[in-house]
Amino acid sequence: MEFERFKKIIEYNQKNQVEITRKVRDLYSKADVDYERDLLNVMQVVRPLFEKKRYIVVEIPFKDKEIGAICYKGDSLGYTFLNSSLPKVNVNFALCHEIYHIFYQEQSFKQKIELYMNEHYFEYEEELSANSFAGVLLMPEQSFENMFRKFQSEKTDEDTEVSLIVKLMSYFEVPYMAALIRCYELNLLNAGEKLEKLLIVNSEVIENEFVRLWLNEDLLKPTNKDDYKKLESFVKKIGDDYLKEEILNHRTVSKVLENMKKIYEEIRG
């Protein structure tokens, strides 16, 4: 990432920290979870909240690895498709990014399909807010600061700043850049020549550090999980219930299933 873009992201996050934290607290409240506790499995906790908003969250391996997630708002149901062909840490971040769009975006989607591009930090207001929200949700301030200081105190002669970021990345199960941004927005690291080097760290260096530090390398690998069959069964059950209650007719239910399959085939390739 370019230094100037990184700097703008840090400035934005710090300026809006109070508002973003308020929204994260609100999500905890909606989920009936104590804010003082870390959210260990975001997917498990937020899935029922998505369902209340008439959204279904599924993981599907995309043919396009540039896309982190796709959000589709249909007439009856909405779908959030997460790209399981990406590393697990990226899927976690994409999920939390989409939580912001579904629950807290001030302006509704301009079109039926919205894309979240993997590893891209666009400078649009809503995208900056969604990324900031994901960072705060996945890396709570107090917990993050505590682990930063713990890993820093354990530093050996072999360790570098990259080692520290990678340990945080592994512990909170987030992408490298997300952990790096969180360090700087909380003023845990200072800008300088080291930052320029940290901004250009590649995946090979990160993988090597995971191996050297005995961290969970599976976090860097895709699961290629495909939830489509479960999704299809779930929607059919909802359709049957709506038919019995005469909320929807057969034509509408068939159209929903048809559109869903069409989107899946386009995504899956």
C-alpha atoms as a PDB file:
ATOM      1  CA  MET A   1       0.000   0.000   0.000  1.00  0.00           C
ATOM      2  CA  GLU A   2       1.180   3.541  -0.771  1.00  0.00           C
ATOM      3  CA  PHE A   3       2.263   5.633   2.212  1.00  0.00           C
ATOM      4  CA  GLU A   4      -0.131   8.511   1.446  1.00  0.00           C
ATOM      5  CA  ARG A   5      -3.134   6.197   1.213  1.00  0.00           C
ATOM      6  CA  PHE A   6      -2.126   4.515   4.465  1.00  0.00           C
ATOM      7  CA  LYS A   7      -1.818   7.919   6.131  1.00  0.00           C
ATOM      8  CA  LYS A   8      -5.309   8.966   4.967  1.00  0.00           C
ATOM      9  CA  ILE A   9      -6.803   5.725   6.317  1.00  0.00           C
ATOM     10  CA  ILE A  10      -5.184   6.261   9.727  1.00  0.00           C
ATOM     11  CA  GLU A  11      -6.398   9.861   9.844  1.00  0.00           C
ATOM     12  CA  TYR A  12      -9.929   8.816   8.900  1.00  0.00           C
ATOM     13  CA  ASN A  13     -10.047   5.993  11.444  1.00  0.00           C
ATOM     14  CA  GLN A  14      -8.770   8.178  14.273  1.00  0.00           C
ATOM     15  CA  LYS A  15     -11.167  10.996  13.398  1.00  0.00           C
ATOM     16  CA  ASN A  16     -14.165   8.632  13.346  1.00  0.00           C
ATOM     17  CA  GLN A  17     -13.077   6.260  16.112  1.00  0.00           C
ATOM     18  CA  VAL A  18     -15.797   7.304  18.574  1.00  0.00           C
ATOM     19  CA  GLU A  19     -18.617   6.874  16.043  1.00  0.00           C
ATOM     20  CA  ILE A  20     -17.315   3.563  14.729  1.00  0.00           C
ATOM     21  CA  THR A  21     -16.862   2.225  18.266  1.00  0.00           C
ATOM     22  CA  ARG A  22     -20.437   3.274  19.070  1.00  0.00           C
ATOM     23  CA  LYS A  23     -21.668   1.171  16.159  1.00  0.00           C
ATOM     24  CA  VAL A  24     -19.588  -1.819  17.236  1.00  0.00           C
ATOM     25  CA  ARG A  25     -21.058  -1.476  20.738  1.00  0.00           C
ATOM     26  CA  ASP A  26     -24.510  -1.383  19.175  1.00  0.00           C
ATOM     27  CA  LEU A  27     -23.815  -4.647  17.345  1.00  0.00           C
ATOM     28  CA  TYR A  28     -22.778  -6.263  20.641  1.00  0.00           C
ATOM     29  CA  SER A  29     -26.060  -5.035  22.132  1.00  0.00           C
ATOM     30  CA  LYS A  30     -28.082  -6.408  19.212  1.00  0.00           C
ATOM     31  CA  ALA A  31     -26.329  -9.754  19.644  1.00  0.00           C
ATOM     32  CA  ASP A  32     -26.859  -9.675  23.428  1.00  0.00           C
ATOM     33  CA  VAL A  33     -23.122 -10.008  24.083  1.00  0.00           C
ATOM     34  CA  ASP A  34     -21.188  -8.196  26.828  1.00  0.00           C
ATOM     35  CA  TYR A  35     -18.970  -5.565  25.183  1.00  0.00           C
ATOM     36  CA  GLU A  36     -16.189  -6.315  27.650  1.00  0.00           C
ATOM     37  CA  ARG A  37     -15.835  -9.781  26.122  1.00  0.00           C
ATOM     38  CA  ASP A  38     -14.108 -10.423  22.794  1.00  0.00           C
ATOM     39  CA  LEU A  39     -16.318 -11.752  20.021  1.00  0.00           C
ATOM     40  CA  LEU A  40     -14.575 -15.060  19.302  1.00  0.00           C
ATOM     41  CA  ASN A  41     -16.804 -16.343  16.489  1.00  0.00           C
ATOM     42  CA  VAL A  42     -18.373 -13.439  14.640  1.00  0.00           C
ATOM     43  CA  MET A  43     -20.135 -15.627  12.074  1.00  0.00           C
ATOM     44  CA  GLN A  44     -21.921 -17.688  14.720  1.00  0.00           C
ATOM     45  CA  VAL A  45     -23.037 -14.609  16.643  1.00  0.00           C
ATOM     46  CA  VAL A  46     -24.219 -12.448  13.742  1.00  0.00           C
ATOM     47  CA  ARG A  47     -25.923 -15.060  11.569  1.00  0.00           C
ATOM     48  CA  PRO A  48     -29.233 -14.770  13.493  1.00  0.00           C
ATOM     49  CA  LEU A  49     -29.024 -10.968  13.201  1.00  0.00           C
ATOM     50  CA  PHE A  50     -28.611 -11.264   9.435  1.00  0.00           C
ATOM     51  CA  GLU A  51     -31.646 -13.534   9.289  1.00  0.00           C
ATOM     52  CA  LYS A  52     -33.738 -10.964  11.171  1.00  0.00           C
ATOM     53  CA  LYS A  53     -32.748  -8.454   8.467  1.00  0.00           C
ATOM     54  CA  ARG A  54     -33.786 -11.078   5.897  1.00  0.00           C
ATOM     55  CA  TYR A  55     -30.190 -11.688   4.788  1.00  0.00           C
ATOM     56  CA  ILE A  56     -28.493 -15.066   4.472  1.00  0.00           C
ATOM     57  CA  VAL A  57     -24.706 -15.381   4.848  1.00  0.00           C
ATOM     58  CA  VAL A  58     -22.922 -18.154   2.971  1.00  0.00           C
ATOM     59  CA  GLU A  59     -19.373 -19.058   1.976  1.00  0.00           C
ATOM     60  CA  ILE A  60     -18.704 -19.976  -1.640  1.00  0.00           C
ATOM     61  CA  PRO A  61     -15.393 -20.308  -3.532  1.00  0.00           C
ATOM     62  CA  PHE A  62     -15.384 -17.551  -6.160  1.00  0.00           C
ATOM     63  CA  LYS A  63     -13.660 -17.936  -9.495  1.00  0.00           C
ATOM     64  CA  ASP A  64     -12.483 -14.306  -9.088  1.00  0.00           C
ATOM     65  CA  LYS A  65     -10.073 -13.960  -6.147  1.00  0.00           C
ATOM     66  CA  GLU A  66     -10.074 -10.175  -6.375  1.00  0.00           C
ATOM     67  CA  ILE A  67     -13.581 -10.131  -4.892  1.00  0.00           C
ATOM     68  CA  GLY A  68     -13.865 -10.620  -1.143  1.00  0.00           C
ATOM     69  CA  ALA A  69     -17.646 -10.649  -0.892  1.00  0.00           C
ATOM     70  CA  ILE A  70     -20.820 -10.009  -2.852  1.00  0.00           C
ATOM     71  CA  CYS A  71     -23.952  -8.583  -1.298  1.00  0.00           C
ATOM     72  CA  TYR A  72     -27.169  -9.113  -3.258  1.00  0.00           C
ATOM     73  CA  LYS A  73     -30.489  -7.586  -2.214  1.00  0.00           C
ATOM     74  CA  GLY A  74     -33.406  -9.413  -3.791  1.00  0.00           C
ATOM     75  CA  ASP A  75     -37.105  -8.622  -3.530  1.00  0.00           C
ATOM     76  CA  SER A  76     -37.707 -11.154  -0.754  1.00  0.00           C
ATOM     77  CA  LEU A  77     -34.275 -12.062   0.634  1.00  0.00           C
ATOM     78  CA  GLY A  78     -30.785 -10.650   0.651  1.00  0.00           C
ATOM     79  CA  TYR A  79     -27.608 -12.713   0.307  1.00  0.00           C
ATOM     80  CA  THR A  80     -24.063 -12.076   1.492  1.00  0.00           C
ATOM     81  CA  PHE A  81     -21.648 -14.359  -0.344  1.00  0.00           C
ATOM     82  CA  LEU A  82     -18.167 -14.617   1.185  1.00  0.00           C
ATOM     83  CA  ASN A  83     -15.294 -15.789  -1.003  1.00  0.00           C
ATOM     84  CA  SER A  84     -13.933 -18.997   0.559  1.00  0.00           C
ATOM     85  CA  SER A  85     -11.218 -19.276  -2.083  1.00  0.00           C
ATOM     86  CA  LEU A  86      -9.418 -16.555  -0.112  1.00  0.00           C
ATOM     87  CA  PRO A  87      -7.429 -17.099   3.109  1.00  0.00           C
ATOM     88  CA  LYS A  88      -9.525 -17.463   6.250  1.00  0.00           C
ATOM     89  CA  VAL A  89      -8.249 -14.146   7.625  1.00  0.00           C
ATOM     90  CA  ASN A  90      -9.614 -12.348   4.556  1.00  0.00           C
ATOM     91  CA  VAL A  91     -12.988 -14.059   4.878  1.00  0.00           C
ATOM     92  CA  ASN A  92     -13.228 -12.909   8.508  1.00  0.00           C
ATOM     93  CA  PHE A  93     -12.537  -9.321   7.500  1.00  0.00           C
ATOM     94  CA  ALA A  94     -14.943  -9.458   4.553  1.00  0.00           C
ATOM     95  CA  LEU A  95     -17.736 -10.693   6.838  1.00  0.00           C
ATOM     96  CA  CYS A  96     -17.242  -7.819   9.291  1.00  0.00           C
ATOM     97  CA  HIS A  97     -16.981  -5.344   6.422  1.00  0.00           C
ATOM     98  CA  GLU A  98     -20.366  -6.532   5.133  1.00  0.00           C
ATOM     99  CA  ILE A  99     -21.905  -6.337   8.618  1.00  0.00           C
ATOM    100  CA  TYR A 100     -21.324  -2.607   8.465  1.00  0.00           C
ATOM    101  CA  HIS A 101     -22.998  -2.274   5.068  1.00  0.00           C
ATOM    102  CA  ILE A 102     -26.049  -4.319   6.088  1.00  0.00           C
ATOM    103  CA  PHE A 103     -26.620  -2.775   9.513  1.00  0.00           C
ATOM    104  CA  TYR A 104     -25.022   0.665   9.555  1.00  0.00           C
ATOM    105  CA  GLN A 105     -24.590   2.085   6.066  1.00  0.00           C
ATOM    106  CA  GLU A 106     -26.454   5.399   5.964  1.00  0.00           C
ATOM    107  CA  GLN A 107     -27.354   5.237   2.288  1.00  0.00           C
ATOM    108  CA  SER A 108     -29.036   2.140   0.895  1.00  0.00           C
ATOM    109  CA  PHE A 109     -27.336   0.147  -1.861  1.00  0.00           C
ATOM    110  CA  LYS A 110     -27.470   1.978  -5.173  1.00  0.00           C
ATOM    111  CA  GLN A 111     -27.865  -1.291  -7.040  1.00  0.00           C
ATOM    112  CA  LYS A 112     -28.916  -4.857  -6.251  1.00  0.00           C
ATOM    113  CA  ILE A 113     -25.367  -6.222  -6.245  1.00  0.00           C
ATOM    114  CA  GLU A 114     -22.509  -4.645  -4.279  1.00  0.00           C
ATOM    115  CA  LEU A 115     -18.931  -5.939  -4.354  1.00  0.00           C
ATOM    116  CA  TYR A 116     -16.273  -5.860  -1.656  1.00  0.00           C
ATOM    117  CA  MET A 117     -12.862  -6.045  -3.289  1.00  0.00           C
ATOM    118  CA  ASN A 118     -10.311  -8.129  -1.421  1.00  0.00           C
ATOM    119  CA  GLU A 119      -7.327  -6.246   0.042  1.00  0.00           C
ATOM    120  CA  HIS A 120      -8.440  -2.952  -1.530  1.00  0.00           C
ATOM    121  CA  TYR A 121      -8.831   0.078   0.719  1.00  0.00           C
ATOM    122  CA  PHE A 122     -10.972   2.408  -1.363  1.00  0.00           C
ATOM    123  CA  GLU A 123     -11.258   6.008  -0.216  1.00  0.00           C
ATOM    124  CA  TYR A 124     -15.052   6.165  -0.513  1.00  0.00           C
ATOM    125  CA  GLU A 125     -16.710   7.207   2.749  1.00  0.00           C
ATOM    126  CA  GLU A 126     -18.791   4.058   3.206  1.00  0.00           C
ATOM    127  CA  GLU A 127     -15.875   1.764   2.333  1.00  0.00           C
ATOM    128  CA  LEU A 128     -13.542   3.517   4.759  1.00  0.00           C
ATOM    129  CA  SER A 129     -16.197   3.244   7.463  1.00  0.00           C
ATOM    130  CA  ALA A 130     -16.839  -0.438   6.727  1.00  0.00           C
ATOM    131  CA  ASN A 131     -13.121  -1.268   6.924  1.00  0.00           C
ATOM    132  CA  SER A 132     -12.700   0.737  10.113  1.00  0.00           C
ATOM    133  CA  PHE A 133     -15.722  -1.030  11.640  1.00  0.00           C
ATOM    134  CA  ALA A 134     -14.293  -4.440  10.712  1.00  0.00           C
ATOM    135  CA  GLY A 135     -10.975  -3.526  12.327  1.00  0.00           C
ATOM    136  CA  VAL A 136     -12.566  -2.386  15.596  1.00  0.00           C
ATOM    137  CA  LEU A 137     -14.887  -5.396  15.737  1.00  0.00           C
ATOM    138  CA  LEU A 138     -12.167  -7.972  15.102  1.00  0.00           C
ATOM    139  CA  MET A 139      -9.457  -6.217  17.117  1.00  0.00           C
ATOM    140  CA  PRO A 140     -11.022  -4.632  20.248  1.00  0.00           C
ATOM    141  CA  GLU A 141      -8.874  -1.773  21.494  1.00  0.00           C
ATOM    142  CA  GLN A 142      -8.005  -2.985  24.987  1.00  0.00           C
ATOM    143  CA  SER A 143      -7.438  -6.575  23.948  1.00  0.00           C
ATOM    144  CA  PHE A 144      -5.350  -5.504  20.969  1.00  0.00           C
ATOM    145  CA  GLU A 145      -3.168  -3.198  23.055  1.00  0.00           C
ATOM    146  CA  ASN A 146      -2.650  -5.923  25.664  1.00  0.00           C
ATOM    147  CA  MET A 147      -1.550  -8.489  23.099  1.00  0.00           C
ATOM    148  CA  PHE A 148       0.642  -5.942  21.314  1.00  0.00           C
ATOM    149  CA  ARG A 149       2.541  -5.276  24.537  1.00  0.00           C
ATOM    150  CA  LYS A 150       2.721  -8.985  25.377  1.00  0.00           C
ATOM    151  CA  PHE A 151       4.199  -9.913  21.981  1.00  0.00           C
ATOM    152  CA  GLN A 152       6.511  -6.916  22.102  1.00  0.00           C
ATOM    153  CA  SER A 153       7.852  -7.980  25.516  1.00  0.00           C
ATOM    154  CA  GLU A 154       8.517 -11.494  24.165  1.00  0.00           C
ATOM    155  CA  LYS A 155      10.544 -10.211  21.219  1.00  0.00           C
ATOM    156  CA  THR A 156      13.733 -12.183  20.501  1.00  0.00           C
ATOM    157  CA  ASP A 157      16.819 -11.260  18.504  1.00  0.00           C
ATOM    158  CA  GLU A 158      15.303 -12.996  15.475  1.00  0.00           C
ATOM    159  CA  ASP A 159      12.059 -11.031  15.649  1.00  0.00           C
ATOM    160  CA  THR A 160      11.319  -7.826  13.745  1.00  0.00           C
ATOM    161  CA  GLU A 161       8.324  -5.480  13.526  1.00  0.00           C
ATOM    162  CA  VAL A 162       6.965  -7.850  10.880  1.00  0.00           C
ATOM    163  CA  SER A 163       7.071 -10.672  13.437  1.00  0.00           C
ATOM    164  CA  LEU A 164       5.008  -8.553  15.823  1.00  0.00           C
ATOM    165  CA  ILE A 165       2.386  -7.730  13.179  1.00  0.00           C
ATOM    166  CA  VAL A 166       2.213 -11.368  12.097  1.00  0.00           C
ATOM    167  CA  LYS A 167       1.651 -12.526  15.689  1.00  0.00           C
ATOM    168  CA  LEU A 168      -1.213 -10.037  16.021  1.00  0.00           C
ATOM    169  CA  MET A 169      -2.525 -11.125  12.639  1.00  0.00           C
ATOM    170  CA  SER A 170      -2.554 -14.751  13.778  1.00  0.00           C
ATOM    171  CA  TYR A 171      -4.019 -14.083  17.224  1.00  0.00           C
ATOM    172  CA  PHE A 172      -6.937 -11.957  15.970  1.00  0.00           C
ATOM    173  CA  GLU A 173      -7.255 -13.878  12.681  1.00  0.00           C
ATOM    174  CA  VAL A 174      -7.142 -10.786  10.482  1.00  0.00           C
ATOM    175  CA  PRO A 175      -5.252  -9.794   7.300  1.00  0.00           C
ATOM    176  CA  TYR A 176      -1.740  -8.402   7.688  1.00  0.00           C
ATOM    177  CA  MET A 177      -2.702  -4.898   6.528  1.00  0.00           C
ATOM    178  CA  ALA A 178      -5.669  -4.748   8.915  1.00  0.00           C
ATOM    179  CA  ALA A 179      -3.392  -5.536  11.876  1.00  0.00           C
ATOM    180  CA  LEU A 180      -0.814  -2.992  10.706  1.00  0.00           C
ATOM    181  CA  ILE A 181      -3.467  -0.268  10.360  1.00  0.00           C
ATOM    182  CA  ARG A 182      -4.823  -1.039  13.841  1.00  0.00           C
ATOM    183  CA  CYS A 183      -1.316  -0.645  15.322  1.00  0.00           C
ATOM    184  CA  TYR A 184      -0.943   2.830  13.858  1.00  0.00           C
ATOM    185  CA  GLU A 185      -4.448   4.114  14.487  1.00  0.00           C
ATOM    186  CA  LEU A 186      -3.983   3.209  18.184  1.00  0.00           C
ATOM    187  CA  ASN A 187      -0.544   4.889  18.173  1.00  0.00           C
ATOM    188  CA  LEU A 188       1.226   1.670  19.145  1.00  0.00           C
ATOM    189  CA  LEU A 189       3.831   2.130  16.410  1.00  0.00           C
ATOM    190  CA  ASN A 190       5.380   5.356  15.142  1.00  0.00           C
ATOM    191  CA  ALA A 191       5.659   6.416  11.528  1.00  0.00           C
ATOM    192  CA  GLY A 192       9.105   6.442   9.942  1.00  0.00           C
ATOM    193  CA  GLU A 193      11.354   4.424   7.695  1.00  0.00           C
ATOM    194  CA  LYS A 194      10.151   1.184   9.297  1.00  0.00           C
ATOM    195  CA  LEU A 195       6.579   1.922   8.202  1.00  0.00           C
ATOM    196  CA  GLU A 196       7.597   2.132   4.545  1.00  0.00           C
ATOM    197  CA  LYS A 197       9.146  -1.334   4.842  1.00  0.00           C
ATOM    198  CA  LEU A 198       6.119  -2.726   6.677  1.00  0.00           C
ATOM    199  CA  LEU A 199       3.829  -1.475   3.904  1.00  0.00           C
ATOM    200  CA  ILE A 200       5.562  -3.548   1.221  1.00  0.00           C
ATOM    201  CA  VAL A 201       5.762  -6.887   3.054  1.00  0.00           C
ATOM    202  CA  ASN A 202       4.633  -9.647   0.676  1.00  0.00           C
ATOM    203  CA  SER A 203       2.753 -12.893   1.276  1.00  0.00           C
ATOM    204  CA  GLU A 204       5.924 -15.006   1.097  1.00  0.00           C
ATOM    205  CA  VAL A 205       7.497 -13.108   4.002  1.00  0.00           C
ATOM    206  CA  ILE A 206       4.286 -13.469   6.019  1.00  0.00           C
ATOM    207  CA  GLU A 207       4.093 -17.202   5.310  1.00  0.00           C
ATOM    208  CA  ASN A 208       7.725 -17.672   6.330  1.00  0.00           C
ATOM    209  CA  GLU A 209       7.082 -15.871   9.606  1.00  0.00           C
ATOM    210  CA  PHE A 210       4.055 -18.068  10.296  1.00  0.00           C
ATOM    211  CA  VAL A 211       6.243 -21.136   9.843  1.00  0.00           C
ATOM    212  CA  ARG A 212       9.139 -19.788  11.911  1.00  0.00           C
ATOM    213  CA  LEU A 213       6.866 -18.710  14.768  1.00  0.00           C
ATOM    214  CA  TRP A 214       4.847 -21.952  14.822  1.00  0.00           C
ATOM    215  CA  LEU A 215       1.610 -20.118  14.063  1.00  0.00           C
ATOM    216  CA  ASN A 216      -1.525 -21.571  12.503  1.00  0.00           C
ATOM    217  CA  GLU A 217      -0.700 -21.633   8.780  1.00  0.00           C
ATOM    218  CA  ASP A 218      -4.253 -22.701   7.929  1.00  0.00           C
ATOM    219  CA  LEU A 219      -5.303 -19.078   8.473  1.00  0.00           C
ATOM    220  CA  LEU A 220      -3.390 -18.212   5.295  1.00  0.00           C
ATOM    221  CA  LYS A 221      -5.128 -20.884   3.247  1.00  0.00           C
ATOM    222  CA  PRO A 222      -8.570 -20.950   1.618  1.00  0.00           C
ATOM    223  CA  THR A 223     -11.167 -23.355   3.003  1.00  0.00           C
ATOM    224  CA  ASN A 224     -13.028 -23.503  -0.344  1.00  0.00           C
ATOM    225  CA  LYS A 225     -16.159 -24.084   1.707  1.00  0.00           C
ATOM    226  CA  ASP A 226     -19.317 -24.247  -0.419  1.00  0.00           C
ATOM    227  CA  ASP A 227     -22.583 -23.597   1.440  1.00  0.00           C
ATOM    228  CA  TYR A 228     -24.811 -23.567  -1.637  1.00  0.00           C
ATOM    229  CA  LYS A 229     -26.637 -26.853  -0.951  1.00  0.00           C
ATOM    230  CA  LYS A 230     -27.435 -25.723   2.591  1.00  0.00           C
ATOM    231  CA  LEU A 231     -28.537 -22.355   1.245  1.00  0.00           C
ATOM    232  CA  GLU A 232     -30.834 -23.964  -1.310  1.00  0.00           C
ATOM    233  CA  SER A 233     -32.434 -26.212   1.324  1.00  0.00           C
ATOM    234  CA  PHE A 234     -32.871 -23.278   3.694  1.00  0.00           C
ATOM    235  CA  VAL A 235     -34.547 -21.068   1.076  1.00  0.00           C
ATOM    236  CA  LYS A 236     -36.825 -23.908  -0.055  1.00  0.00           C
ATOM    237  CA  LYS A 237     -37.966 -24.393   3.543  1.00  0.00           C
ATOM    238  CA  ILE A 238     -38.677 -20.663   3.888  1.00  0.00           C
ATOM    239  CA  GLY A 239     -40.529 -20.783   0.572  1.00  0.00           C
ATOM    240  CA  ASP A 240     -42.684 -23.690   1.726  1.00  0.00           C
ATOM    241  CA  ASP A 241     -43.544 -21.841   4.940  1.00  0.00           C
ATOM    242  CA  TYR A 242     -44.468 -18.688   3.028  1.00  0.00           C
ATOM    243  CA  LEU A 243     -46.595 -20.691   0.614  1.00  0.00           C
ATOM    244  CA  LYS A 244     -48.548 -22.241   3.494  1.00  0.00           C
ATOM    245  CA  GLU A 245     -49.061 -18.815   5.039  1.00  0.00           C
ATOM    246  CA  GLU A 246     -49.939 -17.400   1.580  1.00  0.00           C
ATOM    247  CA  ILE A 247     -47.281 -14.706   1.937  1.00  0.00           C
ATOM    248  CA  LEU A 248     -45.742 -15.690  -1.409  1.00  0.00           C
ATOM    249  CA  ASN A 249     -47.021 -17.592  -4.425  1.00  0.00           C
ATOM    250  CA  HIS A 250     -45.313 -20.464  -6.279  1.00  0.00           C
ATOM    251  CA  ARG A 251     -44.128 -18.176  -9.072  1.00  0.00           C
ATOM    252  CA  THR A 252     -42.287 -15.856  -6.653  1.00  0.00           C
ATOM    253  CA  VAL A 253     -40.654 -18.743  -4.778  1.00  0.00           C
ATOM    254  CA  SER A 254     -39.486 -20.301  -8.046  1.00  0.00           C
ATOM    255  CA  LYS A 255     -38.109 -16.956  -9.181  1.00  0.00           C
ATOM    256  CA  VAL A 256     -36.156 -16.529  -5.941  1.00  0.00           C
ATOM    257  CA  LEU A 257     -34.586 -19.998  -6.318  1.00  0.00           C
ATOM    258  CA  GLU A 258     -33.863 -19.387  -9.992  1.00  0.00           C
ATOM    259  CA  ASN A 259     -32.141 -16.046  -9.324  1.00  0.00           C
ATOM    260  CA  MET A 260     -30.158 -17.546  -6.471  1.00  0.00           C
ATOM    261  CA  LYS A 261     -28.871 -20.394  -8.633  1.00  0.00           C
ATOM    262  CA  LYS A 262     -27.993 -18.005 -11.443  1.00  0.00           C
ATOM    263  CA  ILE A 263     -25.916 -15.821  -9.100  1.00  0.00           C
ATOM    264  CA  TYR A 264     -24.213 -18.884  -7.640  1.00  0.00           C
ATOM    265  CA  GLU A 265     -23.235 -20.216 -11.071  1.00  0.00           C
ATOM    266  CA  GLU A 266     -21.832 -16.839 -12.084  1.00  0.00           C
ATOM    267  CA  ILE A 267     -19.818 -16.571  -8.871  1.00  0.00           C
ATOM    268  CA  ARG A 268     -18.596 -20.169  -8.775  1.00  0.00           C
ATOM    269  CA  GLY A 269     -17.672 -20.352 -12.427  1.00  0.00           C
END
